[in-house]
Structure formats: structure tokens, C-alpha cells
Amino acid sequence: MELNTVRELRSDPIEHPAVAASGVRETSSGNRDMFGKIFDSVVNNINTTNNYLSQAENEEIKLSLGQAESTHDLAIALQKASTALQYTVAIRDKFMEAYKELMNMQF
């Protein structure tokens, strides 16, 4: 799914009546619900990870073309990308674990 499609989906939230009645939504007007904040945080995390991966790729290209002044910049970019990717994967794993637990609940 493309990022623009995700943004379109995110811009038109659907609120279930049970969620509205449960008080999950904040009471002051203009504030977004908790899910929206979490979703924005996840999207920002993915964008940051993509930026770090792109920067690392650009540093690799610079090094291979002989335009890089030092390999230190490449090492830093690769480490940032690796750390961000590990963090994103850890978040995904925790989300999937929580989702599976919710699906196994019996009401």
C-alpha cells in the first residue's frame, strides 16, 4: 500500500459507536483520539526509518563513486539505518503479538 493511500485512509477516521460511548476519545473538542495519535507515531517512525535507509544507500553510492570523503559517514548512516529498522521491526512484532492476543480473547 502506498503512503498516499495510507494518508487518505488516515484522514477520514471511522468511529465505532461503542468506542465513542466508552470514553476512549478525549473530551475536549479538536483533540484526536488515542488511536490516531498512536497511528501518527507509527507512520512517523516508518518515515524516519525510510529516511535513514535512504541516507545509508546514498552514502554507499557516494563511496562507490569515489565522492565520499571518509568511510566514517557511511558507517554512521548504516548504523542509524540498522538501529531504526530494528526498532521498527520490534514495534511490528509487539503489535502483532497484541493483535493475536486480542483475537484469542473470548467474550
PDB file of N, CA and C in Angstrom:
ATOM      1  N   MET A   1       0.847  -1.163   0.000  1.00  0.00           N
ATOM      2  CA  MET A   1       0.000   0.000   0.000  1.00  0.00           C
ATOM      3  C   MET A   1       0.895   1.230   0.000  1.00  0.00           C
ATOM      4  N   GLU A   2       0.606   2.193  -0.840  1.00  0.00           N
ATOM      5  CA  GLU A   2       1.408   3.383  -0.936  1.00  0.00           C
ATOM      6  C   GLU A   2       1.126   4.316   0.226  1.00  0.00           C
ATOM      7  N   LEU A   3       2.087   5.189   0.520  1.00  0.00           N
ATOM      8  CA  LEU A   3       1.958   6.119   1.629  1.00  0.00           C
ATOM      9  C   LEU A   3       0.796   7.077   1.417  1.00  0.00           C
ATOM     10  N   ASN A   4       0.567   7.502   0.176  1.00  0.00           N
ATOM     11  CA  ASN A   4      -0.559   8.400  -0.092  1.00  0.00           C
ATOM     12  C   ASN A   4      -1.882   7.727   0.224  1.00  0.00           C
ATOM     13  N   THR A   5      -1.980   6.443  -0.059  1.00  0.00           N
ATOM     14  CA  THR A   5      -3.189   5.699   0.264  1.00  0.00           C
ATOM     15  C   THR A   5      -3.383   5.625   1.758  1.00  0.00           C
ATOM     16  N   VAL A   6      -2.288   5.421   2.504  1.00  0.00           N
ATOM     17  CA  VAL A   6      -2.370   5.382   3.961  1.00  0.00           C
ATOM     18  C   VAL A   6      -2.819   6.731   4.486  1.00  0.00           C
ATOM     19  N   ARG A   7      -2.284   7.813   3.934  1.00  0.00           N
ATOM     20  CA  ARG A   7      -2.684   9.150   4.379  1.00  0.00           C
ATOM     21  C   ARG A   7      -4.157   9.405   4.089  1.00  0.00           C
ATOM     22  N   GLU A   8      -4.643   8.936   2.933  1.00  0.00           N
ATOM     23  CA  GLU A   8      -6.052   9.115   2.617  1.00  0.00           C
ATOM     24  C   GLU A   8      -6.922   8.349   3.603  1.00  0.00           C
ATOM     25  N   LEU A   9      -6.524   7.133   3.935  1.00  0.00           N
ATOM     26  CA  LEU A   9      -7.282   6.347   4.901  1.00  0.00           C
ATOM     27  C   LEU A   9      -7.256   7.007   6.269  1.00  0.00           C
ATOM     28  N   ARG A  10      -6.117   7.568   6.621  1.00  0.00           N
ATOM     29  CA  ARG A  10      -5.951   8.154   7.934  1.00  0.00           C
ATOM     30  C   ARG A  10      -6.729   9.452   8.064  1.00  0.00           C
ATOM     31  N   SER A  11      -6.952  10.175   6.966  1.00  0.00           N
ATOM     32  CA  SER A  11      -7.595  11.468   7.047  1.00  0.00           C
ATOM     33  C   SER A  11      -9.099  11.368   7.270  1.00  0.00           C
ATOM     34  N   ASP A  12      -9.685  10.218   7.055  1.00  0.00           N
ATOM     35  CA  ASP A  12     -11.123  10.060   7.213  1.00  0.00           C
ATOM     36  C   ASP A  12     -11.397   8.963   8.242  1.00  0.00           C
ATOM     37  N   PRO A  13     -11.280   9.282   9.555  1.00  0.00           N
ATOM     38  CA  PRO A  13     -11.431   8.249  10.570  1.00  0.00           C
ATOM     39  C   PRO A  13     -12.873   7.760  10.695  1.00  0.00           C
ATOM     40  N   ILE A  14     -13.008   6.509  11.019  1.00  0.00           N
ATOM     41  CA  ILE A  14     -14.307   5.899  11.259  1.00  0.00           C
ATOM     42  C   ILE A  14     -14.387   5.577  12.744  1.00  0.00           C
ATOM     43  N   GLU A  15     -15.413   6.053  13.379  1.00  0.00           N
ATOM     44  CA  GLU A  15     -15.546   5.837  14.809  1.00  0.00           C
ATOM     45  C   GLU A  15     -16.702   4.890  15.073  1.00  0.00           C
ATOM     46  N   HIS A  16     -16.421   3.810  15.751  1.00  0.00           N
ATOM     47  CA  HIS A  16     -17.440   2.837  16.118  1.00  0.00           C
ATOM     48  C   HIS A  16     -18.239   3.408  17.282  1.00  0.00           C
ATOM     49  N   PRO A  17     -19.556   3.247  17.304  1.00  0.00           N
ATOM     50  CA  PRO A  17     -20.369   3.797  18.391  1.00  0.00           C
ATOM     51  C   PRO A  17     -19.947   3.302  19.775  1.00  0.00           C
ATOM     52  N   ALA A  18     -19.496   2.054  19.874  1.00  0.00           N
ATOM     53  CA  ALA A  18     -19.079   1.521  21.173  1.00  0.00           C
ATOM     54  C   ALA A  18     -17.820   2.225  21.667  1.00  0.00           C
ATOM     55  N   VAL A  19     -16.924   2.588  20.759  1.00  0.00           N
ATOM     56  CA  VAL A  19     -15.708   3.300  21.143  1.00  0.00           C
ATOM     57  C   VAL A  19     -16.062   4.695  21.620  1.00  0.00           C
ATOM     58  N   ALA A  20     -16.993   5.356  20.938  1.00  0.00           N
ATOM     59  CA  ALA A  20     -17.395   6.702  21.326  1.00  0.00           C
ATOM     60  C   ALA A  20     -18.054   6.692  22.700  1.00  0.00           C
ATOM     61  N   ALA A  21     -18.844   5.670  22.983  1.00  0.00           N
ATOM     62  CA  ALA A  21     -19.537   5.583  24.261  1.00  0.00           C
ATOM     63  C   ALA A  21     -18.602   5.178  25.397  1.00  0.00           C
ATOM     64  N   SER A  22     -17.497   4.526  25.072  1.00  0.00           N
ATOM     65  CA  SER A  22     -16.612   4.031  26.129  1.00  0.00           C
ATOM     66  C   SER A  22     -15.737   5.117  26.728  1.00  0.00           C
ATOM     67  N   GLY A  23     -15.670   6.271  26.093  1.00  0.00           N
ATOM     68  CA  GLY A  23     -14.865   7.350  26.636  1.00  0.00           C
ATOM     69  C   GLY A  23     -13.411   7.302  26.217  1.00  0.00           C
ATOM     70  N   VAL A  24     -13.079   6.481  25.218  1.00  0.00           N
ATOM     71  CA  VAL A  24     -11.705   6.407  24.748  1.00  0.00           C
ATOM     72  C   VAL A  24     -11.323   7.725  24.084  1.00  0.00           C
ATOM     73  N   ARG A  25     -12.249   8.341  23.405  1.00  0.00           N
ATOM     74  CA  ARG A  25     -11.993   9.618  22.744  1.00  0.00           C
ATOM     75  C   ARG A  25     -11.860  10.696  23.815  1.00  0.00           C
ATOM     76  N   GLU A  26     -10.915  11.606  23.612  1.00  0.00           N
ATOM     77  CA  GLU A  26     -10.719  12.682  24.575  1.00  0.00           C
ATOM     78  C   GLU A  26     -11.911  13.622  24.526  1.00  0.00           C
ATOM     79  N   THR A  27     -12.210  14.251  25.637  1.00  0.00           N
ATOM     80  CA  THR A  27     -13.432  15.035  25.732  1.00  0.00           C
ATOM     81  C   THR A  27     -13.325  16.413  25.114  1.00  0.00           C
ATOM     82  N   SER A  28     -12.166  17.054  25.119  1.00  0.00           N
ATOM     83  CA  SER A  28     -12.066  18.406  24.586  1.00  0.00           C
ATOM     84  C   SER A  28     -12.151  18.373  23.062  1.00  0.00           C
ATOM     85  N   SER A  29     -12.843  19.351  22.496  1.00  0.00           N
ATOM     86  CA  SER A  29     -13.033  19.374  21.048  1.00  0.00           C
ATOM     87  C   SER A  29     -11.726  19.701  20.355  1.00  0.00           C
ATOM     88  N   GLY A  30     -11.555  19.171  19.164  1.00  0.00           N
ATOM     89  CA  GLY A  30     -10.350  19.413  18.395  1.00  0.00           C
ATOM     90  C   GLY A  30      -9.247  18.409  18.678  1.00  0.00           C
ATOM     91  N   ASN A  31      -9.316  17.681  19.753  1.00  0.00           N
ATOM     92  CA  ASN A  31      -8.294  16.676  20.048  1.00  0.00           C
ATOM     93  C   ASN A  31      -8.633  15.387  19.334  1.00  0.00           C
ATOM     94  N   ARG A  32      -7.581  14.717  18.897  1.00  0.00           N
ATOM     95  CA  ARG A  32      -7.802  13.452  18.201  1.00  0.00           C
ATOM     96  C   ARG A  32      -7.795  12.317  19.202  1.00  0.00           C
ATOM     97  N   ASP A  33      -8.360  11.222  18.785  1.00  0.00           N
ATOM     98  CA  ASP A  33      -8.423  10.079  19.686  1.00  0.00           C
ATOM     99  C   ASP A  33      -7.050   9.430  19.852  1.00  0.00           C
ATOM    100  N   MET A  34      -6.953   8.556  20.817  1.00  0.00           N
ATOM    101  CA  MET A  34      -5.692   7.906  21.158  1.00  0.00           C
ATOM    102  C   MET A  34      -5.163   7.064  19.998  1.00  0.00           C
ATOM    103  N   PHE A  35      -6.043   6.382  19.293  1.00  0.00           N
ATOM    104  CA  PHE A  35      -5.605   5.559  18.173  1.00  0.00           C
ATOM    105  C   PHE A  35      -4.960   6.414  17.097  1.00  0.00           C
ATOM    106  N   GLY A  36      -5.533   7.561  16.821  1.00  0.00           N
ATOM    107  CA  GLY A  36      -4.973   8.460  15.821  1.00  0.00           C
ATOM    108  C   GLY A  36      -3.572   8.917  16.180  1.00  0.00           C
ATOM    109  N   LYS A  37      -3.349   9.196  17.457  1.00  0.00           N
ATOM    110  CA  LYS A  37      -2.026   9.609  17.911  1.00  0.00           C
ATOM    111  C   LYS A  37      -1.020   8.471  17.765  1.00  0.00           C
ATOM    112  N   ILE A  38      -1.436   7.275  18.126  1.00  0.00           N
ATOM    113  CA  ILE A  38      -0.546   6.121  18.006  1.00  0.00           C
ATOM    114  C   ILE A  38      -0.250   5.843  16.538  1.00  0.00           C
ATOM    115  N   PHE A  39      -1.273   5.927  15.704  1.00  0.00           N
ATOM    116  CA  PHE A  39      -1.090   5.689  14.273  1.00  0.00           C
ATOM    117  C   PHE A  39      -0.132   6.716  13.673  1.00  0.00           C
ATOM    118  N   ASP A  40      -0.294   7.986  14.048  1.00  0.00           N
ATOM    119  CA  ASP A  40       0.628   9.025  13.567  1.00  0.00           C
ATOM    120  C   ASP A  40       2.053   8.739  14.004  1.00  0.00           C
ATOM    121  N   SER A  41       2.208   8.275  15.233  1.00  0.00           N
ATOM    122  CA  SER A  41       3.537   7.951  15.742  1.00  0.00           C
ATOM    123  C   SER A  41       4.169   6.822  14.940  1.00  0.00           C
ATOM    124  N   VAL A  42       3.386   5.821  14.605  1.00  0.00           N
ATOM    125  CA  VAL A  42       3.893   4.690  13.828  1.00  0.00           C
ATOM    126  C   VAL A  42       4.270   5.137  12.418  1.00  0.00           C
ATOM    127  N   VAL A  43       3.428   5.960  11.802  1.00  0.00           N
ATOM    128  CA  VAL A  43       3.729   6.453  10.458  1.00  0.00           C
ATOM    129  C   VAL A  43       5.000   7.298  10.478  1.00  0.00           C
ATOM    130  N   ASN A  44       5.157   8.142  11.498  1.00  0.00           N
ATOM    131  CA  ASN A  44       6.383   8.947  11.621  1.00  0.00           C
ATOM    132  C   ASN A  44       7.601   8.059  11.810  1.00  0.00           C
ATOM    133  N   ASN A  45       7.445   6.979  12.589  1.00  0.00           N
ATOM    134  CA  ASN A  45       8.547   6.040  12.799  1.00  0.00           C
ATOM    135  C   ASN A  45       8.944   5.376  11.480  1.00  0.00           C
ATOM    136  N   ILE A  46       7.976   4.986  10.701  1.00  0.00           N
ATOM    137  CA  ILE A  46       8.261   4.355   9.404  1.00  0.00           C
ATOM    138  C   ILE A  46       8.927   5.341   8.455  1.00  0.00           C
ATOM    139  N   ASN A  47       8.447   6.589   8.446  1.00  0.00           N
ATOM    140  CA  ASN A  47       9.065   7.608   7.594  1.00  0.00           C
ATOM    141  C   ASN A  47      10.507   7.869   8.005  1.00  0.00           C
ATOM    142  N   THR A  48      10.766   7.942   9.307  1.00  0.00           N
ATOM    143  CA  THR A  48      12.124   8.150   9.797  1.00  0.00           C
ATOM    144  C   THR A  48      13.022   6.989   9.399  1.00  0.00           C
ATOM    145  N   THR A  49      12.527   5.781   9.548  1.00  0.00           N
ATOM    146  CA  THR A  49      13.301   4.600   9.159  1.00  0.00           C
ATOM    147  C   THR A  49      13.620   4.631   7.670  1.00  0.00           C
ATOM    148  N   ASN A  50      12.623   4.973   6.853  1.00  0.00           N
ATOM    149  CA  ASN A  50      12.855   5.069   5.406  1.00  0.00           C
ATOM    150  C   ASN A  50      13.895   6.132   5.073  1.00  0.00           C
ATOM    151  N   ASN A  51      13.852   7.258   5.783  1.00  0.00           N
ATOM    152  CA  ASN A  51      14.838   8.315   5.549  1.00  0.00           C
ATOM    153  C   ASN A  51      16.244   7.832   5.890  1.00  0.00           C
ATOM    154  N   TYR A  52      16.398   7.136   7.022  1.00  0.00           N
ATOM    155  CA  TYR A  52      17.710   6.624   7.411  1.00  0.00           C
ATOM    156  C   TYR A  52      18.219   5.588   6.407  1.00  0.00           C
ATOM    157  N   LEU A  53      17.329   4.725   5.933  1.00  0.00           N
ATOM    158  CA  LEU A  53      17.732   3.734   4.932  1.00  0.00           C
ATOM    159  C   LEU A  53      18.149   4.409   3.623  1.00  0.00           C
ATOM    160  N   SER A  54      17.433   5.447   3.239  1.00  0.00           N
ATOM    161  CA  SER A  54      17.768   6.186   2.028  1.00  0.00           C
ATOM    162  C   SER A  54      19.112   6.900   2.172  1.00  0.00           C
ATOM    163  N   GLN A  55      19.356   7.495   3.337  1.00  0.00           N
ATOM    164  CA  GLN A  55      20.634   8.166   3.580  1.00  0.00           C
ATOM    165  C   GLN A  55      21.790   7.167   3.531  1.00  0.00           C
ATOM    166  N   ALA A  56      21.584   5.992   4.091  1.00  0.00           N
ATOM    167  CA  ALA A  56      22.629   4.966   4.065  1.00  0.00           C
ATOM    168  C   ALA A  56      22.913   4.532   2.622  1.00  0.00           C
ATOM    169  N   GLU A  57      21.863   4.367   1.838  1.00  0.00           N
ATOM    170  CA  GLU A  57      22.044   3.986   0.436  1.00  0.00           C
ATOM    171  C   GLU A  57      22.780   5.075  -0.337  1.00  0.00           C
ATOM    172  N   ASN A  58      22.438   6.333  -0.052  1.00  0.00           N
ATOM    173  CA  ASN A  58      23.119   7.441  -0.719  1.00  0.00           C
ATOM    174  C   ASN A  58      24.603   7.486  -0.351  1.00  0.00           C
ATOM    175  N   GLU A  59      24.921   7.211   0.904  1.00  0.00           N
ATOM    176  CA  GLU A  59      26.324   7.183   1.330  1.00  0.00           C
ATOM    177  C   GLU A  59      27.077   6.040   0.654  1.00  0.00           C
ATOM    178  N   GLU A  60      26.414   4.892   0.483  1.00  0.00           N
ATOM    179  CA  GLU A  60      27.039   3.774  -0.220  1.00  0.00           C
ATOM    180  C   GLU A  60      27.335   4.145  -1.672  1.00  0.00           C
ATOM    181  N   ILE A  61      26.397   4.823  -2.301  1.00  0.00           N
ATOM    182  CA  ILE A  61      26.590   5.242  -3.695  1.00  0.00           C
ATOM    183  C   ILE A  61      27.733   6.248  -3.793  1.00  0.00           C
ATOM    184  N   LYS A  62      27.767   7.205  -2.861  1.00  0.00           N
ATOM    185  CA  LYS A  62      28.859   8.189  -2.865  1.00  0.00           C
ATOM    186  C   LYS A  62      30.219   7.507  -2.724  1.00  0.00           C
ATOM    187  N   LEU A  63      30.276   6.519  -1.825  1.00  0.00           N
ATOM    188  CA  LEU A  63      31.536   5.813  -1.607  1.00  0.00           C
ATOM    189  C   LEU A  63      31.949   5.037  -2.859  1.00  0.00           C
ATOM    190  N   SER A  64      30.979   4.379  -3.488  1.00  0.00           N
ATOM    191  CA  SER A  64      31.308   3.585  -4.672  1.00  0.00           C
ATOM    192  C   SER A  64      31.713   4.452  -5.868  1.00  0.00           C
ATOM    193  N   LEU A  65      31.205   5.688  -5.916  1.00  0.00           N
ATOM    194  CA  LEU A  65      31.565   6.599  -6.999  1.00  0.00           C
ATOM    195  C   LEU A  65      32.826   7.407  -6.685  1.00  0.00           C
ATOM    196  N   GLY A  66      33.338   7.259  -5.477  1.00  0.00           N
ATOM    197  CA  GLY A  66      34.539   7.985  -5.087  1.00  0.00           C
ATOM    198  C   GLY A  66      34.279   9.407  -4.650  1.00  0.00           C
ATOM    199  N   GLN A  67      33.030   9.738  -4.360  1.00  0.00           N
ATOM    200  CA  GLN A  67      32.675  11.089  -3.943  1.00  0.00           C
ATOM    201  C   GLN A  67      32.713  11.272  -2.437  1.00  0.00           C
ATOM    202  N   ALA A  68      32.784  10.184  -1.689  1.00  0.00           N
ATOM    203  CA  ALA A  68      32.790  10.269  -0.228  1.00  0.00           C
ATOM    204  C   ALA A  68      34.184  10.638   0.259  1.00  0.00           C
ATOM    205  N   GLU A  69      34.214  11.496   1.285  1.00  0.00           N
ATOM    206  CA  GLU A  69      35.484  11.909   1.836  1.00  0.00           C
ATOM    207  C   GLU A  69      36.016  10.911   2.854  1.00  0.00           C
ATOM    208  N   SER A  70      35.108  10.244   3.547  1.00  0.00           N
ATOM    209  CA  SER A  70      35.545   9.253   4.532  1.00  0.00           C
ATOM    210  C   SER A  70      34.511   8.141   4.640  1.00  0.00           C
ATOM    211  N   THR A  71      34.956   7.025   5.149  1.00  0.00           N
ATOM    212  CA  THR A  71      34.036   5.902   5.348  1.00  0.00           C
ATOM    213  C   THR A  71      33.272   6.052   6.665  1.00  0.00           C
ATOM    214  N   HIS A  72      33.692   7.039   7.465  1.00  0.00           N
ATOM    215  CA  HIS A  72      33.040   7.274   8.753  1.00  0.00           C
ATOM    216  C   HIS A  72      31.567   7.652   8.567  1.00  0.00           C
ATOM    217  N   ASP A  73      31.279   8.507   7.574  1.00  0.00           N
ATOM    218  CA  ASP A  73      29.893   8.910   7.305  1.00  0.00           C
ATOM    219  C   ASP A  73      29.043   7.713   6.891  1.00  0.00           C
ATOM    220  N   LEU A  74      29.637   6.813   6.111  1.00  0.00           N
ATOM    221  CA  LEU A  74      28.919   5.606   5.706  1.00  0.00           C
ATOM    222  C   LEU A  74      28.621   4.724   6.908  1.00  0.00           C
ATOM    223  N   ALA A  75      29.593   4.555   7.783  1.00  0.00           N
ATOM    224  CA  ALA A  75      29.391   3.718   8.970  1.00  0.00           C
ATOM    225  C   ALA A  75      28.295   4.285   9.868  1.00  0.00           C
ATOM    226  N   ILE A  76      28.282   5.608  10.041  1.00  0.00           N
ATOM    227  CA  ILE A  76      27.243   6.239  10.863  1.00  0.00           C
ATOM    228  C   ILE A  76      25.872   6.051  10.234  1.00  0.00           C
ATOM    229  N   ALA A  77      25.766   6.291   8.924  1.00  0.00           N
ATOM    230  CA  ALA A  77      24.485   6.147   8.225  1.00  0.00           C
ATOM    231  C   ALA A  77      23.976   4.713   8.287  1.00  0.00           C
ATOM    232  N   LEU A  78      24.873   3.743   8.123  1.00  0.00           N
ATOM    233  CA  LEU A  78      24.468   2.331   8.192  1.00  0.00           C
ATOM    234  C   LEU A  78      24.004   1.958   9.596  1.00  0.00           C
ATOM    235  N   GLN A  79      24.677   2.471  10.623  1.00  0.00           N
ATOM    236  CA  GLN A  79      24.285   2.152  11.998  1.00  0.00           C
ATOM    237  C   GLN A  79      22.934   2.772  12.340  1.00  0.00           C
ATOM    238  N   LYS A  80      22.706   4.020  11.917  1.00  0.00           N
ATOM    239  CA  LYS A  80      21.405   4.656  12.144  1.00  0.00           C
ATOM    240  C   LYS A  80      20.297   3.867  11.461  1.00  0.00           C
ATOM    241  N   ALA A  81      20.538   3.466  10.221  1.00  0.00           N
ATOM    242  CA  ALA A  81      19.530   2.710   9.475  1.00  0.00           C
ATOM    243  C   ALA A  81      19.258   1.364  10.134  1.00  0.00           C
ATOM    244  N   SER A  82      20.310   0.701  10.577  1.00  0.00           N
ATOM    245  CA  SER A  82      20.152  -0.602  11.220  1.00  0.00           C
ATOM    246  C   SER A  82      19.363  -0.486  12.524  1.00  0.00           C
ATOM    247  N   THR A  83      19.700   0.504  13.331  1.00  0.00           N
ATOM    248  CA  THR A  83      19.012   0.694  14.611  1.00  0.00           C
ATOM    249  C   THR A  83      17.543   1.047  14.394  1.00  0.00           C
ATOM    250  N   ALA A  84      17.275   1.952  13.449  1.00  0.00           N
ATOM    251  CA  ALA A  84      15.895   2.345  13.172  1.00  0.00           C
ATOM    252  C   ALA A  84      15.080   1.167  12.653  1.00  0.00           C
ATOM    253  N   LEU A  85      15.685   0.340  11.802  1.00  0.00           N
ATOM    254  CA  LEU A  85      14.981  -0.818  11.268  1.00  0.00           C
ATOM    255  C   LEU A  85      14.699  -1.844  12.365  1.00  0.00           C
ATOM    256  N   GLN A  86      15.651  -2.069  13.246  1.00  0.00           N
ATOM    257  CA  GLN A  86      15.436  -2.995  14.358  1.00  0.00           C
ATOM    258  C   GLN A  86      14.308  -2.507  15.260  1.00  0.00           C
ATOM    259  N   TYR A  87      14.270  -1.219  15.512  1.00  0.00           N
ATOM    260  CA  TYR A  87      13.217  -0.629  16.344  1.00  0.00           C
ATOM    261  C   TYR A  87      11.852  -0.791  15.677  1.00  0.00           C
ATOM    262  N   THR A  88      11.788  -0.535  14.375  1.00  0.00           N
ATOM    263  CA  THR A  88      10.529  -0.673  13.635  1.00  0.00           C
ATOM    264  C   THR A  88      10.043  -2.122  13.642  1.00  0.00           C
ATOM    265  N   VAL A  89      10.954  -3.053  13.461  1.00  0.00           N
ATOM    266  CA  VAL A  89      10.583  -4.471  13.480  1.00  0.00           C
ATOM    267  C   VAL A  89      10.111  -4.881  14.875  1.00  0.00           C
ATOM    268  N   ALA A  90      10.749  -4.363  15.909  1.00  0.00           N
ATOM    269  CA  ALA A  90      10.332  -4.686  17.279  1.00  0.00           C
ATOM    270  C   ALA A  90       8.922  -4.163  17.545  1.00  0.00           C
ATOM    271  N   ILE A  91       8.618  -2.975  17.063  1.00  0.00           N
ATOM    272  CA  ILE A  91       7.268  -2.419  17.228  1.00  0.00           C
ATOM    273  C   ILE A  91       6.254  -3.268  16.483  1.00  0.00           C
ATOM    274  N   ARG A  92       6.597  -3.668  15.261  1.00  0.00           N
ATOM    275  CA  ARG A  92       5.695  -4.516  14.486  1.00  0.00           C
ATOM    276  C   ARG A  92       5.435  -5.839  15.199  1.00  0.00           C
ATOM    277  N   ASP A  93       6.496  -6.441  15.747  1.00  0.00           N
ATOM    278  CA  ASP A  93       6.346  -7.716  16.447  1.00  0.00           C
ATOM    279  C   ASP A  93       5.438  -7.583  17.665  1.00  0.00           C
ATOM    280  N   LYS A  94       5.611  -6.507  18.433  1.00  0.00           N
ATOM    281  CA  LYS A  94       4.762  -6.284  19.611  1.00  0.00           C
ATOM    282  C   LYS A  94       3.319  -6.035  19.198  1.00  0.00           C
ATOM    283  N   PHE A  95       3.124  -5.297  18.114  1.00  0.00           N
ATOM    284  CA  PHE A  95       1.779  -5.051  17.619  1.00  0.00           C
ATOM    285  C   PHE A  95       1.110  -6.356  17.205  1.00  0.00           C
ATOM    286  N   MET A  96       1.834  -7.200  16.487  1.00  0.00           N
ATOM    287  CA  MET A  96       1.270  -8.468  16.047  1.00  0.00           C
ATOM    288  C   MET A  96       0.971  -9.382  17.232  1.00  0.00           C
ATOM    289  N   GLU A  97       1.835  -9.354  18.233  1.00  0.00           N
ATOM    290  CA  GLU A  97       1.604 -10.152  19.441  1.00  0.00           C
ATOM    291  C   GLU A  97       0.329  -9.686  20.150  1.00  0.00           C
ATOM    292  N   ALA A  98       0.139  -8.373  20.268  1.00  0.00           N
ATOM    293  CA  ALA A  98      -1.065  -7.832  20.906  1.00  0.00           C
ATOM    294  C   ALA A  98      -2.305  -8.155  20.080  1.00  0.00           C
ATOM    295  N   TYR A  99      -2.189  -8.075  18.764  1.00  0.00           N
ATOM    296  CA  TYR A  99      -3.312  -8.386  17.881  1.00  0.00           C
ATOM    297  C   TYR A  99      -3.731  -9.843  18.039  1.00  0.00           C
ATOM    298  N   LYS A 100      -2.759 -10.748  18.060  1.00  0.00           N
ATOM    299  CA  LYS A 100      -3.072 -12.170  18.218  1.00  0.00           C
ATOM    300  C   LYS A 100      -3.729 -12.448  19.564  1.00  0.00           C
ATOM    301  N   GLU A 101      -3.253 -11.748  20.603  1.00  0.00           N
ATOM    302  CA  GLU A 101      -3.850 -11.918  21.924  1.00  0.00           C
ATOM    303  C   GLU A 101      -5.286 -11.439  21.927  1.00  0.00           C
ATOM    304  N   LEU A 102      -5.565 -10.323  21.275  1.00  0.00           N
ATOM    305  CA  LEU A 102      -6.936  -9.823  21.186  1.00  0.00           C
ATOM    306  C   LEU A 102      -7.834 -10.774  20.400  1.00  0.00           C
ATOM    307  N   MET A 103      -7.297 -11.374  19.355  1.00  0.00           N
ATOM    308  CA  MET A 103      -8.084 -12.304  18.549  1.00  0.00           C
ATOM    309  C   MET A 103      -8.390 -13.590  19.311  1.00  0.00           C
ATOM    310  N   ASN A 104      -7.545 -13.953  20.259  1.00  0.00           N
ATOM    311  CA  ASN A 104      -7.762 -15.178  21.030  1.00  0.00           C
ATOM    312  C   ASN A 104      -8.685 -14.975  22.226  1.00  0.00           C
ATOM    313  N   MET A 105      -9.051 -13.730  22.513  1.00  0.00           N
ATOM    314  CA  MET A 105      -9.945 -13.458  23.636  1.00  0.00           C
ATOM    315  C   MET A 105     -11.345 -13.987  23.323  1.00  0.00           C
ATOM    316  N   GLN A 106     -11.985 -14.501  24.337  1.00  0.00           N
ATOM    317  CA  GLN A 106     -13.362 -14.968  24.185  1.00  0.00           C
ATOM    318  C   GLN A 106     -14.281 -14.082  24.999  1.00  0.00           C
ATOM    319  N   PHE A 107     -15.341 -13.644  24.374  1.00  0.00           N
ATOM    320  CA  PHE A 107     -16.291 -12.767  25.060  1.00  0.00           C
ATOM    321  C   PHE A 107     -17.514 -13.512  25.457  1.00  0.00           C
TER     322      PHE A 107
END
